[in-house]
Protein backbone atom coordinates (compact mmCIF):
# COMPACT_ATOMS: atom_id res chain seq x y z
CA MET A 1 -62.13 37.03 13.77
CA GLY A 2 -63.89 37.70 10.54
CA ASN A 3 -63.65 36.00 7.13
CA PHE A 4 -60.50 34.21 6.80
CA GLY A 5 -61.09 33.11 3.24
CA TYR A 6 -63.12 30.64 0.66
CA GLU A 7 -62.70 27.04 -0.07
CA TYR A 8 -63.51 26.13 -3.43
CA ILE A 9 -63.89 21.88 -3.75
CA LEU A 10 -64.84 20.35 -7.03
CA ASP A 11 -65.15 16.67 -7.90
CA CYS A 12 -64.99 15.68 -11.49
CA VAL A 13 -65.72 12.12 -13.20
CA GLN A 14 -65.26 11.14 -16.96
CA CYS A 15 -62.03 13.26 -17.13
CA ASP A 16 -60.14 13.19 -20.28
CA ASN A 17 -57.31 10.47 -19.61
CA SER A 18 -54.80 11.74 -21.53
CA LYS A 19 -54.92 15.35 -20.11
CA ILE A 20 -55.02 14.05 -16.39
CA ILE A 21 -51.83 12.06 -16.94
CA ASP A 22 -49.80 14.80 -18.85
CA LEU A 23 -47.77 16.33 -16.17
CA ASP A 24 -47.59 19.68 -18.89
CA ASN A 25 -51.07 19.96 -19.07
CA ILE A 26 -51.47 19.76 -15.64
CA LYS A 27 -48.39 22.58 -14.68
CA GLU A 28 -49.77 24.66 -17.45
CA PHE A 29 -53.60 24.44 -15.85
CA VAL A 30 -52.07 25.92 -12.59
CA LYS A 31 -50.34 28.47 -14.01
CA ASP A 32 -53.54 29.80 -15.83
CA LEU A 33 -55.54 29.26 -13.13
CA ILE A 34 -53.10 31.72 -11.24
CA LYS A 35 -53.08 33.96 -13.95
CA ASN A 36 -56.82 34.28 -14.17
CA THR A 37 -57.43 34.62 -10.36
CA ASP A 38 -54.96 37.08 -9.79
CA MET A 39 -53.18 35.06 -7.56
CA ASN A 40 -49.34 34.95 -6.92
CA GLU A 41 -47.51 31.62 -6.62
CA LEU A 42 -45.39 31.12 -3.50
CA GLY A 43 -42.17 28.51 -5.01
CA ASP A 44 -42.55 25.88 -7.29
CA ILE A 45 -45.39 23.77 -7.89
CA LYS A 46 -45.22 20.40 -6.22
CA TYR A 47 -46.01 17.18 -7.63
CA GLU A 48 -45.91 13.12 -7.05
CA TYR A 49 -46.90 10.45 -8.99
CA VAL A 50 -48.91 7.62 -7.13
CA ASP A 51 -47.88 4.43 -8.59
CA GLU A 52 -49.59 0.99 -8.34
CA GLU A 53 -47.00 0.28 -5.55
CA MET A 54 -48.03 2.96 -3.55
CA ALA A 55 -51.40 2.83 -3.61
CA GLU A 56 -51.49 -1.06 -3.24
CA LYS A 57 -49.73 0.04 0.32
CA ALA A 58 -51.88 2.49 1.32
CA GLY A 59 -55.06 0.12 0.51
CA LYS A 60 -56.44 1.87 -2.51
CA PRO A 61 -55.34 0.58 -5.71
CA TYR A 62 -57.61 2.69 -7.80
CA ILE A 63 -55.77 6.01 -6.55
CA THR A 64 -52.94 5.94 -9.15
CA GLY A 65 -52.00 9.31 -10.59
CA TYR A 66 -50.60 12.74 -9.88
CA SER A 67 -50.98 14.64 -6.30
CA VAL A 68 -50.33 18.08 -7.21
CA CYS A 69 -50.02 21.35 -5.08
CA GLN A 70 -49.17 24.75 -5.40
CA PHE A 71 -48.77 27.25 -2.79
CA ILE A 72 -50.09 30.56 -3.19
CA ILE A 73 -49.35 33.58 -1.16
CA THR A 74 -52.79 33.46 -0.13
CA SER A 75 -52.91 29.58 0.45
CA SER A 76 -53.19 26.57 -1.63
CA ILE A 77 -54.10 25.16 -4.63
CA VAL A 78 -54.35 21.23 -4.16
CA ILE A 79 -55.42 18.47 -6.92
CA HIS A 80 -55.27 14.71 -6.78
CA PHE A 81 -55.85 12.95 -10.27
CA CYS A 82 -56.54 9.27 -10.52
CA ASP A 83 -55.90 7.77 -13.63
CA GLY A 84 -57.95 4.64 -13.78
CA SER A 85 -61.19 5.88 -12.93
CA ASN A 86 -60.56 9.17 -14.88
CA THR A 87 -61.42 11.44 -11.78
CA LEU A 88 -60.13 14.39 -10.49
CA TYR A 89 -60.57 16.31 -6.80
CA PHE A 90 -59.61 19.97 -6.62
CA ASN A 91 -59.12 22.05 -3.71
CA LEU A 92 -58.42 26.08 -4.00
CA PHE A 93 -58.55 27.99 -0.58
CA SER A 94 -57.65 31.56 -0.54
CA CYS A 95 -57.93 34.70 1.87
CA LYS A 96 -58.09 36.47 -1.45
CA ALA A 97 -61.74 36.45 -3.09
CA PHE A 98 -61.84 34.71 -6.79
CA GLU A 99 -64.64 33.88 -9.23
CA LYS A 100 -65.92 30.25 -8.81
CA ARG A 101 -66.96 30.38 -12.48
CA LYS A 102 -63.46 31.10 -13.94
CA VAL A 103 -61.72 28.31 -11.83
CA LYS A 104 -64.60 26.07 -12.85
CA GLY A 105 -64.47 26.84 -16.42
CA LEU A 106 -60.73 26.59 -16.55
CA LEU A 107 -60.70 23.05 -14.89
CA LEU A 108 -63.34 21.75 -17.59
CA LYS A 109 -61.42 23.41 -20.28
CA TYR A 110 -58.07 21.39 -18.94
CA PHE A 111 -59.59 18.29 -17.94
CA ASN A 112 -62.99 17.74 -19.43
CA GLY A 113 -65.27 15.80 -17.31
CA ARG A 114 -68.47 16.36 -15.66
CA VAL A 115 -68.55 18.16 -11.75
CA THR A 116 -70.41 15.64 -9.03
CA ASN A 117 -69.65 17.62 -6.28
CA GLU A 118 -69.45 21.27 -6.16
CA SER A 119 -68.74 22.91 -2.49
CA TYR A 120 -68.10 26.52 -1.61
CA VAL A 121 -67.33 27.65 1.73
CA THR A 122 -66.42 30.60 3.68
CA ARG A 123 -63.65 30.34 6.68
CA GLY A 124 -63.54 32.05 9.46
């Protein structure tokens, strides 16, 4: 089958709360990421805000925040932000190669924080 793609996973703590709750900042990050990794978006960015009622319904009261998905021609960018804990969970999956250093640098530029988990997987 061969190499199907690359998956980059980053978990960040101690993010700047004002930046992870700012939807315009989040959208700008996604646009900048696509530009700097030479990807191509596929449709509009999708986002939903998980409010306290939804989080309670899921039995996870600490997960309030935006969930974001941007399909790209080569796969997807998915990010979950948690307002209460100032954390974010990032995933980029693409069959097109990208520079991890650039991705991580942009993520920290837009949201600050400290990376606590970093995984890179070659799929296929």
